[in-house]
Amino acid sequence: MVGVLGLAGLGAMVSSCASEEASGPPVTGIAAEGQQLFKSNGCAACHSVDGSDGVGPTMKGLLGSPVELQSDETVTADEAYIRTSIVNPGQDKVAGYSAAMPARDLTPNEVDALVAYISELR
């Protein structure tokens, strides 16, 4: 039988693993900075990095993929599209997602780091 402290420790381990999975594979350099920003800005609360459905679209495989917008237009998710979506999230809403992504006050270097991280999620 596992005591109360044992269950709490197990819960912490499970939570830690879930947080790592939500952040994606290990990356280095500027992408690692982006990975940390992805966690600290709450991006993982709505966007998966493993292809699973969420409140917002997954980031896995986003770079270079076609994205259908609510305007019925389809665009390619290049780095410029990803950057614009981070800086001005209401500009090109993805079809099928009704939640509004909050704008964040990010520096240009932070946006570069997030784009680098998302680009690594193939």
PDB file of N, CA and C in Angstrom:
ATOM      1  N   MET A   1       0.837  -1.180   0.000  1.00  0.00           N
ATOM      2  CA  MET A   1       0.000   0.000   0.000  1.00  0.00           C
ATOM      3  C   MET A   1       0.883   1.245   0.000  1.00  0.00           C
ATOM      4  N   VAL A   2       0.539   2.219  -0.824  1.00  0.00           N
ATOM      5  CA  VAL A   2       1.315   3.447  -0.938  1.00  0.00           C
ATOM      6  C   VAL A   2       0.758   4.475   0.026  1.00  0.00           C
ATOM      7  N   GLY A   3       1.639   5.090   0.813  1.00  0.00           N
ATOM      8  CA  GLY A   3       1.220   6.114   1.757  1.00  0.00           C
ATOM      9  C   GLY A   3       0.887   7.418   1.044  1.00  0.00           C
ATOM     10  N   VAL A   4       0.414   8.387   1.810  1.00  0.00           N
ATOM     11  CA  VAL A   4       0.030   9.681   1.260  1.00  0.00           C
ATOM     12  C   VAL A   4       1.223  10.363   0.597  1.00  0.00           C
ATOM     13  N   LEU A   5       2.372  10.313   1.239  1.00  0.00           N
ATOM     14  CA  LEU A   5       3.552  10.944   0.643  1.00  0.00           C
ATOM     15  C   LEU A   5       3.948  10.234  -0.640  1.00  0.00           C
ATOM     16  N   GLY A   6       3.787   8.919  -0.681  1.00  0.00           N
ATOM     17  CA  GLY A   6       4.103   8.168  -1.889  1.00  0.00           C
ATOM     18  C   GLY A   6       3.208   8.575  -3.050  1.00  0.00           C
ATOM     19  N   LEU A   7       1.922   8.757  -2.798  1.00  0.00           N
ATOM     20  CA  LEU A   7       1.000   9.187  -3.843  1.00  0.00           C
ATOM     21  C   LEU A   7       1.319  10.593  -4.319  1.00  0.00           C
ATOM     22  N   ALA A   8       1.670  11.469  -3.378  1.00  0.00           N
ATOM     23  CA  ALA A   8       2.013  12.837  -3.762  1.00  0.00           C
ATOM     24  C   ALA A   8       3.254  12.841  -4.637  1.00  0.00           C
ATOM     25  N   GLY A   9       4.235  12.038  -4.276  1.00  0.00           N
ATOM     26  CA  GLY A   9       5.455  11.953  -5.081  1.00  0.00           C
ATOM     27  C   GLY A   9       5.178  11.405  -6.463  1.00  0.00           C
ATOM     28  N   LEU A  10       4.327  10.384  -6.536  1.00  0.00           N
ATOM     29  CA  LEU A  10       3.946   9.803  -7.822  1.00  0.00           C
ATOM     30  C   LEU A  10       3.210  10.830  -8.664  1.00  0.00           C
ATOM     31  N   GLY A  11       2.316  11.583  -8.046  1.00  0.00           N
ATOM     32  CA  GLY A  11       1.592  12.633  -8.764  1.00  0.00           C
ATOM     33  C   GLY A  11       2.536  13.683  -9.318  1.00  0.00           C
ATOM     34  N   ALA A  12       3.547  14.051  -8.545  1.00  0.00           N
ATOM     35  CA  ALA A  12       4.521  15.041  -9.014  1.00  0.00           C
ATOM     36  C   ALA A  12       5.304  14.505 -10.204  1.00  0.00           C
ATOM     37  N   MET A  13       5.653  13.204 -10.154  1.00  0.00           N
ATOM     38  CA  MET A  13       6.378  12.607 -11.275  1.00  0.00           C
ATOM     39  C   MET A  13       5.523  12.592 -12.531  1.00  0.00           C
ATOM     40  N   VAL A  14       4.260  12.205 -12.404  1.00  0.00           N
ATOM     41  CA  VAL A  14       3.353  12.167 -13.551  1.00  0.00           C
ATOM     42  C   VAL A  14       3.175  13.570 -14.108  1.00  0.00           C
ATOM     43  N   SER A  15       2.997  14.548 -13.227  1.00  0.00           N
ATOM     44  CA  SER A  15       2.836  15.927 -13.667  1.00  0.00           C
ATOM     45  C   SER A  15       4.071  16.415 -14.394  1.00  0.00           C
ATOM     46  N   SER A  16       5.244  16.054 -13.878  1.00  0.00           N
ATOM     47  CA  SER A  16       6.489  16.467 -14.521  1.00  0.00           C
ATOM     48  C   SER A  16       6.615  15.854 -15.903  1.00  0.00           C
ATOM     49  N   CYS A  17       6.282  14.583 -16.048  1.00  0.00           N
ATOM     50  CA  CYS A  17       6.345  13.920 -17.349  1.00  0.00           C
ATOM     51  C   CYS A  17       5.366  14.557 -18.316  1.00  0.00           C
ATOM     52  N   ALA A  18       4.168  14.854 -17.859  1.00  0.00           N
ATOM     53  CA  ALA A  18       3.168  15.463 -18.727  1.00  0.00           C
ATOM     54  C   ALA A  18       3.639  16.829 -19.197  1.00  0.00           C
ATOM     55  N   SER A  19       4.313  17.579 -18.310  1.00  0.00           N
ATOM     56  CA  SER A  19       4.812  18.893 -18.696  1.00  0.00           C
ATOM     57  C   SER A  19       5.890  18.770 -19.750  1.00  0.00           C
ATOM     58  N   GLU A  20       6.777  17.775 -19.604  1.00  0.00           N
ATOM     59  CA  GLU A  20       7.831  17.585 -20.592  1.00  0.00           C
ATOM     60  C   GLU A  20       7.232  17.189 -21.933  1.00  0.00           C
ATOM     61  N   GLU A  21       6.251  16.292 -21.928  1.00  0.00           N
ATOM     62  CA  GLU A  21       5.620  15.870 -23.172  1.00  0.00           C
ATOM     63  C   GLU A  21       4.908  17.033 -23.833  1.00  0.00           C
ATOM     64  N   ALA A  22       4.295  17.900 -23.052  1.00  0.00           N
ATOM     65  CA  ALA A  22       3.571  19.039 -23.600  1.00  0.00           C
ATOM     66  C   ALA A  22       4.520  20.047 -24.230  1.00  0.00           C
ATOM     67  N   SER A  23       5.792  19.967 -23.888  1.00  0.00           N
ATOM     68  CA  SER A  23       6.749  20.927 -24.402  1.00  0.00           C
ATOM     69  C   SER A  23       7.493  20.413 -25.626  1.00  0.00           C
ATOM     70  N   GLY A  24       7.347  19.162 -25.957  1.00  0.00           N
ATOM     71  CA  GLY A  24       7.951  18.629 -27.164  1.00  0.00           C
ATOM     72  C   GLY A  24       9.316  18.033 -26.936  1.00  0.00           C
ATOM     73  N   PRO A  25       9.960  17.651 -28.037  1.00  0.00           N
ATOM     74  CA  PRO A  25      11.254  16.994 -27.963  1.00  0.00           C
ATOM     75  C   PRO A  25      12.337  17.974 -27.522  1.00  0.00           C
ATOM     76  N   PRO A  26      13.455  17.437 -27.014  1.00  0.00           N
ATOM     77  CA  PRO A  26      14.540  18.326 -26.600  1.00  0.00           C
ATOM     78  C   PRO A  26      15.122  19.076 -27.801  1.00  0.00           C
ATOM     79  N   VAL A  27      15.406  20.339 -27.613  1.00  0.00           N
ATOM     80  CA  VAL A  27      15.970  21.181 -28.655  1.00  0.00           C
ATOM     81  C   VAL A  27      17.122  21.987 -28.057  1.00  0.00           C
ATOM     82  N   THR A  28      17.916  22.621 -28.912  1.00  0.00           N
ATOM     83  CA  THR A  28      19.052  23.400 -28.445  1.00  0.00           C
ATOM     84  C   THR A  28      19.010  24.799 -29.050  1.00  0.00           C
ATOM     85  N   GLY A  29      19.896  25.650 -28.558  1.00  0.00           N
ATOM     86  CA  GLY A  29      20.048  26.994 -29.106  1.00  0.00           C
ATOM     87  C   GLY A  29      18.810  27.845 -28.917  1.00  0.00           C
ATOM     88  N   ILE A  30      18.538  28.664 -29.927  1.00  0.00           N
ATOM     89  CA  ILE A  30      17.406  29.594 -29.856  1.00  0.00           C
ATOM     90  C   ILE A  30      16.078  28.839 -29.746  1.00  0.00           C
ATOM     91  N   ALA A  31      16.006  27.623 -30.325  1.00  0.00           N
ATOM     92  CA  ALA A  31      14.777  26.830 -30.215  1.00  0.00           C
ATOM     93  C   ALA A  31      14.523  26.423 -28.764  1.00  0.00           C
ATOM     94  N   ALA A  32      15.587  26.180 -27.997  1.00  0.00           N
ATOM     95  CA  ALA A  32      15.425  25.849 -26.579  1.00  0.00           C
ATOM     96  C   ALA A  32      14.859  27.039 -25.809  1.00  0.00           C
ATOM     97  N   GLU A  33      15.281  28.242 -26.186  1.00  0.00           N
ATOM     98  CA  GLU A  33      14.707  29.443 -25.579  1.00  0.00           C
ATOM     99  C   GLU A  33      13.217  29.527 -25.912  1.00  0.00           C
ATOM    100  N   GLY A  34      12.881  29.210 -27.153  1.00  0.00           N
ATOM    101  CA  GLY A  34      11.484  29.206 -27.571  1.00  0.00           C
ATOM    102  C   GLY A  34      10.668  28.166 -26.833  1.00  0.00           C
ATOM    103  N   GLN A  35      11.264  27.005 -26.599  1.00  0.00           N
ATOM    104  CA  GLN A  35      10.581  25.950 -25.857  1.00  0.00           C
ATOM    105  C   GLN A  35      10.237  26.437 -24.450  1.00  0.00           C
ATOM    106  N   GLN A  36      11.176  27.113 -23.809  1.00  0.00           N
ATOM    107  CA  GLN A  36      10.930  27.650 -22.468  1.00  0.00           C
ATOM    108  C   GLN A  36       9.843  28.724 -22.507  1.00  0.00           C
ATOM    109  N   LEU A  37       9.873  29.575 -23.515  1.00  0.00           N
ATOM    110  CA  LEU A  37       8.832  30.599 -23.666  1.00  0.00           C
ATOM    111  C   LEU A  37       7.469  29.967 -23.928  1.00  0.00           C
ATOM    112  N   PHE A  38       7.455  28.880 -24.700  1.00  0.00           N
ATOM    113  CA  PHE A  38       6.218  28.157 -24.992  1.00  0.00           C
ATOM    114  C   PHE A  38       5.593  27.677 -23.679  1.00  0.00           C
ATOM    115  N   LYS A  39       6.429  27.192 -22.772  1.00  0.00           N
ATOM    116  CA  LYS A  39       5.949  26.746 -21.459  1.00  0.00           C
ATOM    117  C   LYS A  39       5.514  27.931 -20.593  1.00  0.00           C
ATOM    118  N   SER A  40       6.399  28.913 -20.464  1.00  0.00           N
ATOM    119  CA  SER A  40       6.159  29.993 -19.499  1.00  0.00           C
ATOM    120  C   SER A  40       5.039  30.940 -19.916  1.00  0.00           C
ATOM    121  N   ASN A  41       4.721  30.998 -21.189  1.00  0.00           N
ATOM    122  CA  ASN A  41       3.631  31.860 -21.653  1.00  0.00           C
ATOM    123  C   ASN A  41       2.306  31.122 -21.770  1.00  0.00           C
ATOM    124  N   GLY A  42       2.282  29.866 -21.371  1.00  0.00           N
ATOM    125  CA  GLY A  42       1.035  29.105 -21.354  1.00  0.00           C
ATOM    126  C   GLY A  42       0.582  28.589 -22.709  1.00  0.00           C
ATOM    127  N   CYS A  43       1.459  28.607 -23.698  1.00  0.00           N
ATOM    128  CA  CYS A  43       1.079  28.153 -25.040  1.00  0.00           C
ATOM    129  C   CYS A  43       0.625  26.691 -25.039  1.00  0.00           C
ATOM    130  N   ALA A  44       1.298  25.876 -24.219  1.00  0.00           N
ATOM    131  CA  ALA A  44       0.994  24.445 -24.169  1.00  0.00           C
ATOM    132  C   ALA A  44      -0.393  24.162 -23.595  1.00  0.00           C
ATOM    133  N   ALA A  45      -1.004  25.136 -22.958  1.00  0.00           N
ATOM    134  CA  ALA A  45      -2.352  24.929 -22.423  1.00  0.00           C
ATOM    135  C   ALA A  45      -3.366  24.749 -23.547  1.00  0.00           C
ATOM    136  N   CYS A  46      -3.095  25.330 -24.709  1.00  0.00           N
ATOM    137  CA  CYS A  46      -4.037  25.257 -25.830  1.00  0.00           C
ATOM    138  C   CYS A  46      -3.468  24.567 -27.066  1.00  0.00           C
ATOM    139  N   HIS A  47      -2.159  24.605 -27.236  1.00  0.00           N
ATOM    140  CA  HIS A  47      -1.515  24.055 -28.432  1.00  0.00           C
ATOM    141  C   HIS A  47      -0.656  22.856 -28.069  1.00  0.00           C
ATOM    142  N   SER A  48      -0.964  21.692 -28.656  1.00  0.00           N
ATOM    143  CA  SER A  48      -0.130  20.520 -28.420  1.00  0.00           C
ATOM    144  C   SER A  48       1.107  20.592 -29.307  1.00  0.00           C
ATOM    145  N   VAL A  49       2.096  19.807 -28.957  1.00  0.00           N
ATOM    146  CA  VAL A  49       3.293  19.689 -29.782  1.00  0.00           C
ATOM    147  C   VAL A  49       3.476  18.254 -30.265  1.00  0.00           C
ATOM    148  N   ASP A  50       2.446  17.439 -30.040  1.00  0.00           N
ATOM    149  CA  ASP A  50       2.531  16.024 -30.429  1.00  0.00           C
ATOM    150  C   ASP A  50       1.477  15.632 -31.457  1.00  0.00           C
ATOM    151  N   GLY A  51       0.774  16.603 -32.010  1.00  0.00           N
ATOM    152  CA  GLY A  51      -0.231  16.316 -33.023  1.00  0.00           C
ATOM    153  C   GLY A  51      -1.631  16.105 -32.478  1.00  0.00           C
ATOM    154  N   SER A  52      -1.784  16.057 -31.167  1.00  0.00           N
ATOM    155  CA  SER A  52      -3.110  15.828 -30.592  1.00  0.00           C
ATOM    156  C   SER A  52      -3.949  17.099 -30.663  1.00  0.00           C
ATOM    157  N   ASP A  53      -5.268  16.901 -30.646  1.00  0.00           N
ATOM    158  CA  ASP A  53      -6.201  18.024 -30.690  1.00  0.00           C
ATOM    159  C   ASP A  53      -6.155  18.802 -29.389  1.00  0.00           C
ATOM    160  N   GLY A  54      -6.423  20.081 -29.491  1.00  0.00           N
ATOM    161  CA  GLY A  54      -6.480  20.940 -28.315  1.00  0.00           C
ATOM    162  C   GLY A  54      -7.443  22.073 -28.565  1.00  0.00           C
ATOM    163  N   VAL A  55      -7.444  23.027 -27.663  1.00  0.00           N
ATOM    164  CA  VAL A  55      -8.282  24.208 -27.823  1.00  0.00           C
ATOM    165  C   VAL A  55      -7.840  24.972 -29.062  1.00  0.00           C
ATOM    166  N   GLY A  56      -6.532  24.959 -29.313  1.00  0.00           N
ATOM    167  CA  GLY A  56      -5.956  25.565 -30.510  1.00  0.00           C
ATOM    168  C   GLY A  56      -5.284  24.491 -31.340  1.00  0.00           C
ATOM    169  N   PRO A  57      -4.864  24.833 -32.550  1.00  0.00           N
ATOM    170  CA  PRO A  57      -4.222  23.847 -33.422  1.00  0.00           C
ATOM    171  C   PRO A  57      -2.878  23.367 -32.865  1.00  0.00           C
ATOM    172  N   THR A  58      -2.501  22.150 -33.230  1.00  0.00           N
ATOM    173  CA  THR A  58      -1.213  21.611 -32.812  1.00  0.00           C
ATOM    174  C   THR A  58      -0.081  22.359 -33.505  1.00  0.00           C
ATOM    175  N   MET A  59       1.059  22.376 -32.863  1.00  0.00           N
ATOM    176  CA  MET A  59       2.245  22.988 -33.452  1.00  0.00           C
ATOM    177  C   MET A  59       3.095  21.951 -34.190  1.00  0.00           C
ATOM    178  N   LYS A  60       2.820  20.668 -33.930  1.00  0.00           N
ATOM    179  CA  LYS A  60       3.606  19.615 -34.569  1.00  0.00           C
ATOM    180  C   LYS A  60       3.367  19.629 -36.078  1.00  0.00           C
ATOM    181  N   GLY A  61       4.455  19.732 -36.819  1.00  0.00           N
ATOM    182  CA  GLY A  61       4.367  19.693 -38.272  1.00  0.00           C
ATOM    183  C   GLY A  61       3.773  20.942 -38.891  1.00  0.00           C
ATOM    184  N   LEU A  62       3.655  22.008 -38.123  1.00  0.00           N
ATOM    185  CA  LEU A  62       3.019  23.217 -38.636  1.00  0.00           C
ATOM    186  C   LEU A  62       3.820  23.858 -39.767  1.00  0.00           C
ATOM    187  N   LEU A  63       5.124  24.005 -39.585  1.00  0.00           N
ATOM    188  CA  LEU A  63       5.935  24.699 -40.585  1.00  0.00           C
ATOM    189  C   LEU A  63       5.815  24.015 -41.944  1.00  0.00           C
ATOM    190  N   GLY A  64       5.416  24.786 -42.927  1.00  0.00           N
ATOM    191  CA  GLY A  64       5.295  24.298 -44.297  1.00  0.00           C
ATOM    192  C   GLY A  64       3.979  23.623 -44.631  1.00  0.00           C
ATOM    193  N   SER A  65       3.109  23.489 -43.644  1.00  0.00           N
ATOM    194  CA  SER A  65       1.839  22.803 -43.887  1.00  0.00           C
ATOM    195  C   SER A  65       0.760  23.788 -44.339  1.00  0.00           C
ATOM    196  N   PRO A  66      -0.252  23.290 -45.069  1.00  0.00           N
ATOM    197  CA  PRO A  66      -1.372  24.154 -45.435  1.00  0.00           C
ATOM    198  C   PRO A  66      -2.264  24.387 -44.213  1.00  0.00           C
ATOM    199  N   VAL A  67      -2.759  25.606 -44.083  1.00  0.00           N
ATOM    200  CA  VAL A  67      -3.632  25.974 -42.971  1.00  0.00           C
ATOM    201  C   VAL A  67      -4.885  26.619 -43.557  1.00  0.00           C
ATOM    202  N   GLU A  68      -6.035  26.033 -43.238  1.00  0.00           N
ATOM    203  CA  GLU A  68      -7.295  26.617 -43.688  1.00  0.00           C
ATOM    204  C   GLU A  68      -7.741  27.643 -42.654  1.00  0.00           C
ATOM    205  N   LEU A  69      -8.006  28.842 -43.127  1.00  0.00           N
ATOM    206  CA  LEU A  69      -8.410  29.928 -42.244  1.00  0.00           C
ATOM    207  C   LEU A  69      -9.928  30.055 -42.193  1.00  0.00           C
ATOM    208  N   GLN A  70     -10.437  30.735 -41.195  1.00  0.00           N
ATOM    209  CA  GLN A  70     -11.872  30.958 -41.072  1.00  0.00           C
ATOM    210  C   GLN A  70     -12.420  31.733 -42.261  1.00  0.00           C
ATOM    211  N   SER A  71     -11.567  32.449 -42.957  1.00  0.00           N
ATOM    212  CA  SER A  71     -11.972  33.219 -44.134  1.00  0.00           C
ATOM    213  C   SER A  71     -12.124  32.336 -45.372  1.00  0.00           C
ATOM    214  N   ASP A  72     -11.968  31.018 -45.219  1.00  0.00           N
ATOM    215  CA  ASP A  72     -12.014  30.031 -46.303  1.00  0.00           C
ATOM    216  C   ASP A  72     -10.775  30.066 -47.189  1.00  0.00           C
ATOM    217  N   GLU A  73      -9.803  30.879 -46.853  1.00  0.00           N
ATOM    218  CA  GLU A  73      -8.533  30.925 -47.572  1.00  0.00           C
ATOM    219  C   GLU A  73      -7.616  29.867 -46.981  1.00  0.00           C
ATOM    220  N   THR A  74      -6.778  29.266 -47.815  1.00  0.00           N
ATOM    221  CA  THR A  74      -5.763  28.342 -47.339  1.00  0.00           C
ATOM    222  C   THR A  74      -4.406  28.972 -47.573  1.00  0.00           C
ATOM    223  N   VAL A  75      -3.587  28.987 -46.526  1.00  0.00           N
ATOM    224  CA  VAL A  75      -2.246  29.556 -46.611  1.00  0.00           C
ATOM    225  C   VAL A  75      -1.231  28.501 -46.200  1.00  0.00           C
ATOM    226  N   THR A  76       0.020  28.738 -46.549  1.00  0.00           N
ATOM    227  CA  THR A  76       1.093  27.860 -46.104  1.00  0.00           C
ATOM    228  C   THR A  76       1.681  28.451 -44.831  1.00  0.00           C
ATOM    229  N   ALA A  77       1.841  27.611 -43.844  1.00  0.00           N
ATOM    230  CA  ALA A  77       2.379  28.061 -42.555  1.00  0.00           C
ATOM    231  C   ALA A  77       3.903  28.154 -42.651  1.00  0.00           C
ATOM    232  N   ASP A  78       4.365  29.255 -43.256  1.00  0.00           N
ATOM    233  CA  ASP A  78       5.800  29.511 -43.299  1.00  0.00           C
ATOM    234  C   ASP A  78       6.182  30.305 -42.047  1.00  0.00           C
ATOM    235  N   GLU A  79       7.452  30.654 -41.931  1.00  0.00           N
ATOM    236  CA  GLU A  79       7.886  31.370 -40.735  1.00  0.00           C
ATOM    237  C   GLU A  79       7.181  32.720 -40.590  1.00  0.00           C
ATOM    238  N   ALA A  80       6.905  33.390 -41.693  1.00  0.00           N
ATOM    239  CA  ALA A  80       6.206  34.689 -41.626  1.00  0.00           C
ATOM    240  C   ALA A  80       4.793  34.510 -41.080  1.00  0.00           C
ATOM    241  N   TYR A  81       4.100  33.455 -41.517  1.00  0.00           N
ATOM    242  CA  TYR A  81       2.742  33.186 -41.019  1.00  0.00           C
ATOM    243  C   TYR A  81       2.779  32.902 -39.514  1.00  0.00           C
ATOM    244  N   ILE A  82       3.738  32.069 -39.090  1.00  0.00           N
ATOM    245  CA  ILE A  82       3.842  31.725 -37.665  1.00  0.00           C
ATOM    246  C   ILE A  82       4.133  32.982 -36.853  1.00  0.00           C
ATOM    247  N   ARG A  83       5.038  33.800 -37.330  1.00  0.00           N
ATOM    248  CA  ARG A  83       5.392  35.050 -36.643  1.00  0.00           C
ATOM    249  C   ARG A  83       4.159  35.957 -36.516  1.00  0.00           C
ATOM    250  N   THR A  84       3.435  36.136 -37.602  1.00  0.00           N
ATOM    251  CA  THR A  84       2.239  36.982 -37.586  1.00  0.00           C
ATOM    252  C   THR A  84       1.201  36.418 -36.624  1.00  0.00           C
ATOM    253  N   SER A  85       1.046  35.105 -36.604  1.00  0.00           N
ATOM    254  CA  SER A  85       0.061  34.474 -35.722  1.00  0.00           C
ATOM    255  C   SER A  85       0.404  34.669 -34.246  1.00  0.00           C
ATOM    256  N   ILE A  86       1.689  34.745 -33.943  1.00  0.00           N
ATOM    257  CA  ILE A  86       2.124  34.985 -32.565  1.00  0.00           C
ATOM    258  C   ILE A  86       1.908  36.446 -32.188  1.00  0.00           C
ATOM    259  N   VAL A  87       2.327  37.345 -33.057  1.00  0.00           N
ATOM    260  CA  VAL A  87       2.285  38.777 -32.766  1.00  0.00           C
ATOM    261  C   VAL A  87       0.870  39.343 -32.841  1.00  0.00           C
ATOM    262  N   ASN A  88       0.089  38.867 -33.816  1.00  0.00           N
ATOM    263  CA  ASN A  88      -1.280  39.355 -34.021  1.00  0.00           C
ATOM    264  C   ASN A  88      -2.214  38.152 -34.173  1.00  0.00           C
ATOM    265  N   PRO A  89      -2.510  37.471 -33.061  1.00  0.00           N
ATOM    266  CA  PRO A  89      -3.230  36.202 -33.137  1.00  0.00           C
ATOM    267  C   PRO A  89      -4.635  36.280 -33.738  1.00  0.00           C
ATOM    268  N   GLY A  90      -5.246  37.420 -33.766  1.00  0.00           N
ATOM    269  CA  GLY A  90      -6.591  37.527 -34.318  1.00  0.00           C
ATOM    270  C   GLY A  90      -6.631  37.762 -35.816  1.00  0.00           C
ATOM    271  N   GLN A  91      -5.481  37.960 -36.445  1.00  0.00           N
ATOM    272  CA  GLN A  91      -5.452  38.320 -37.855  1.00  0.00           C
ATOM    273  C   GLN A  91      -5.894  37.185 -38.779  1.00  0.00           C
ATOM    274  N   ASP A  92      -5.340  36.017 -38.614  1.00  0.00           N
ATOM    275  CA  ASP A  92      -5.643  34.881 -39.493  1.00  0.00           C
ATOM    276  C   ASP A  92      -6.077  33.686 -38.653  1.00  0.00           C
ATOM    277  N   LYS A  93      -7.336  33.689 -38.225  1.00  0.00           N
ATOM    278  CA  LYS A  93      -7.824  32.613 -37.364  1.00  0.00           C
ATOM    279  C   LYS A  93      -7.975  31.322 -38.163  1.00  0.00           C
ATOM    280  N   VAL A  94      -7.551  30.232 -37.552  1.00  0.00           N
ATOM    281  CA  VAL A  94      -7.622  28.920 -38.186  1.00  0.00           C
ATOM    282  C   VAL A  94      -9.051  28.396 -38.126  1.00  0.00           C
ATOM    283  N   ALA A  95      -9.515  27.861 -39.238  1.00  0.00           N
ATOM    284  CA  ALA A  95     -10.866  27.298 -39.313  1.00  0.00           C
ATOM    285  C   ALA A  95     -11.016  26.170 -38.296  1.00  0.00           C
ATOM    286  N   GLY A  96     -12.178  26.124 -37.672  1.00  0.00           N
ATOM    287  CA  GLY A  96     -12.480  25.051 -36.733  1.00  0.00           C
ATOM    288  C   GLY A  96     -12.107  25.342 -35.297  1.00  0.00           C
ATOM    289  N   TYR A  97     -11.497  26.494 -35.049  1.00  0.00           N
ATOM    290  CA  TYR A  97     -11.102  26.864 -33.684  1.00  0.00           C
ATOM    291  C   TYR A  97     -11.756  28.192 -33.332  1.00  0.00           C
ATOM    292  N   SER A  98     -12.575  28.168 -32.282  1.00  0.00           N
ATOM    293  CA  SER A  98     -13.316  29.374 -31.932  1.00  0.00           C
ATOM    294  C   SER A  98     -12.642  30.190 -30.835  1.00  0.00           C
ATOM    295  N   ALA A  99     -11.762  29.565 -30.070  1.00  0.00           N
ATOM    296  CA  ALA A  99     -11.124  30.285 -28.966  1.00  0.00           C
ATOM    297  C   ALA A  99     -10.202  31.375 -29.507  1.00  0.00           C
ATOM    298  N   ALA A 100     -10.175  32.478 -28.818  1.00  0.00           N
ATOM    299  CA  ALA A 100      -9.308  33.591 -29.210  1.00  0.00           C
ATOM    300  C   ALA A 100      -7.988  33.497 -28.446  1.00  0.00           C
ATOM    301  N   MET A 101      -6.886  33.425 -29.188  1.00  0.00           N
ATOM    302  CA  MET A 101      -5.571  33.387 -28.560  1.00  0.00           C
ATOM    303  C   MET A 101      -5.245  34.778 -28.028  1.00  0.00           C
ATOM    304  N   PRO A 102      -4.812  34.868 -26.774  1.00  0.00           N
ATOM    305  CA  PRO A 102      -4.463  36.183 -26.235  1.00  0.00           C
ATOM    306  C   PRO A 102      -3.150  36.685 -26.830  1.00  0.00           C
ATOM    307  N   ALA A 103      -3.086  37.974 -27.054  1.00  0.00           N
ATOM    308  CA  ALA A 103      -1.836  38.584 -27.511  1.00  0.00           C
ATOM    309  C   ALA A 103      -0.866  38.622 -26.331  1.00  0.00           C
ATOM    310  N   ARG A 104       0.389  38.457 -26.617  1.00  0.00           N
ATOM    311  CA  ARG A 104       1.435  38.507 -25.589  1.00  0.00           C
ATOM    312  C   ARG A 104       2.364  39.671 -25.911  1.00  0.00           C
ATOM    313  N   ASP A 105       2.931  40.251 -24.890  1.00  0.00           N
ATOM    314  CA  ASP A 105       3.893  41.336 -25.062  1.00  0.00           C
ATOM    315  C   ASP A 105       5.281  40.695 -25.148  1.00  0.00           C
ATOM    316  N   LEU A 106       5.672  40.327 -26.361  1.00  0.00           N
ATOM    317  CA  LEU A 106       6.939  39.640 -26.583  1.00  0.00           C
ATOM    318  C   LEU A 106       7.903  40.528 -27.348  1.00  0.00           C
ATOM    319  N   THR A 107       9.174  40.386 -27.033  1.00  0.00           N
ATOM    320  CA  THR A 107      10.197  41.111 -27.776  1.00  0.00           C
ATOM    321  C   THR A 107      10.404  40.423 -29.124  1.00  0.00           C
ATOM    322  N   PRO A 108      10.995  41.104 -30.097  1.00  0.00           N
ATOM    323  CA  PRO A 108      11.297  40.448 -31.369  1.00  0.00           C
ATOM    324  C   PRO A 108      12.174  39.195 -31.199  1.00  0.00           C
ATOM    325  N   ASN A 109      13.112  39.230 -30.253  1.00  0.00           N
ATOM    326  CA  ASN A 109      13.962  38.050 -30.010  1.00  0.00           C
ATOM    327  C   ASN A 109      13.154  36.888 -29.448  1.00  0.00           C
ATOM    328  N   GLU A 110      12.176  37.179 -28.598  1.00  0.00           N
ATOM    329  CA  GLU A 110      11.324  36.123 -28.054  1.00  0.00           C
ATOM    330  C   GLU A 110      10.464  35.512 -29.159  1.00  0.00           C
ATOM    331  N   VAL A 111       9.954  36.337 -30.052  1.00  0.00           N
ATOM    332  CA  VAL A 111       9.165  35.831 -31.178  1.00  0.00           C
ATOM    333  C   VAL A 111      10.053  34.958 -32.067  1.00  0.00           C
ATOM    334  N   ASP A 112      11.280  35.398 -32.321  1.00  0.00           N
ATOM    335  CA  ASP A 112      12.222  34.596 -33.110  1.00  0.00           C
ATOM    336  C   ASP A 112      12.441  33.231 -32.459  1.00  0.00           C
ATOM    337  N   ALA A 113      12.586  33.218 -31.141  1.00  0.00           N
ATOM    338  CA  ALA A 113      12.817  31.972 -30.413  1.00  0.00           C
ATOM    339  C   ALA A 113      11.601  31.052 -30.513  1.00  0.00           C
ATOM    340  N   LEU A 114      10.399  31.593 -30.380  1.00  0.00           N
ATOM    341  CA  LEU A 114       9.182  30.783 -30.515  1.00  0.00           C
ATOM    342  C   LEU A 114       9.053  30.214 -31.925  1.00  0.00           C
ATOM    343  N   VAL A 115       9.341  31.024 -32.928  1.00  0.00           N
ATOM    344  CA  VAL A 115       9.280  30.552 -34.318  1.00  0.00           C
ATOM    345  C   VAL A 115      10.298  29.427 -34.524  1.00  0.00           C
ATOM    346  N   ALA A 116      11.494  29.590 -33.974  1.00  0.00           N
ATOM    347  CA  ALA A 116      12.523  28.557 -34.096  1.00  0.00           C
ATOM    348  C   ALA A 116      12.061  27.254 -33.439  1.00  0.00           C
ATOM    349  N   TYR A 117      11.466  27.356 -32.269  1.00  0.00           N
ATOM    350  CA  TYR A 117      10.973  26.161 -31.578  1.00  0.00           C
ATOM    351  C   TYR A 117       9.865  25.480 -32.362  1.00  0.00           C
ATOM    352  N   ILE A 118       8.878  26.241 -32.798  1.00  0.00           N
ATOM    353  CA  ILE A 118       7.763  25.666 -33.556  1.00  0.00           C
ATOM    354  C   ILE A 118       8.270  25.034 -34.843  1.00  0.00           C
ATOM    355  N   SER A 119       9.276  25.636 -35.457  1.00  0.00           N
ATOM    356  CA  SER A 119       9.854  25.091 -36.679  1.00  0.00           C
ATOM    357  C   SER A 119      10.520  23.740 -36.455  1.00  0.00           C
ATOM    358  N   GLU A 120      10.963  23.475 -35.240  1.00  0.00           N
ATOM    359  CA  GLU A 120      11.606  22.193 -34.905  1.00  0.00           C
ATOM    360  C   GLU A 120      10.616  21.051 -34.700  1.00  0.00           C
ATOM    361  N   LEU A 121       9.347  21.369 -34.543  1.00  0.00           N
ATOM    362  CA  LEU A 121       8.323  20.371 -34.197  1.00  0.00           C
ATOM    363  C   LEU A 121       7.799  19.689 -35.458  1.00  0.00           C
ATOM    364  N   ARG A 122       8.591  18.855 -36.043  1.00  0.00           N
ATOM    365  CA  ARG A 122       8.239  18.186 -37.299  1.00  0.00           C
ATOM    366  C   ARG A 122       7.551  16.863 -37.067  1.00  0.00           C
TER     367      ARG A 122
END
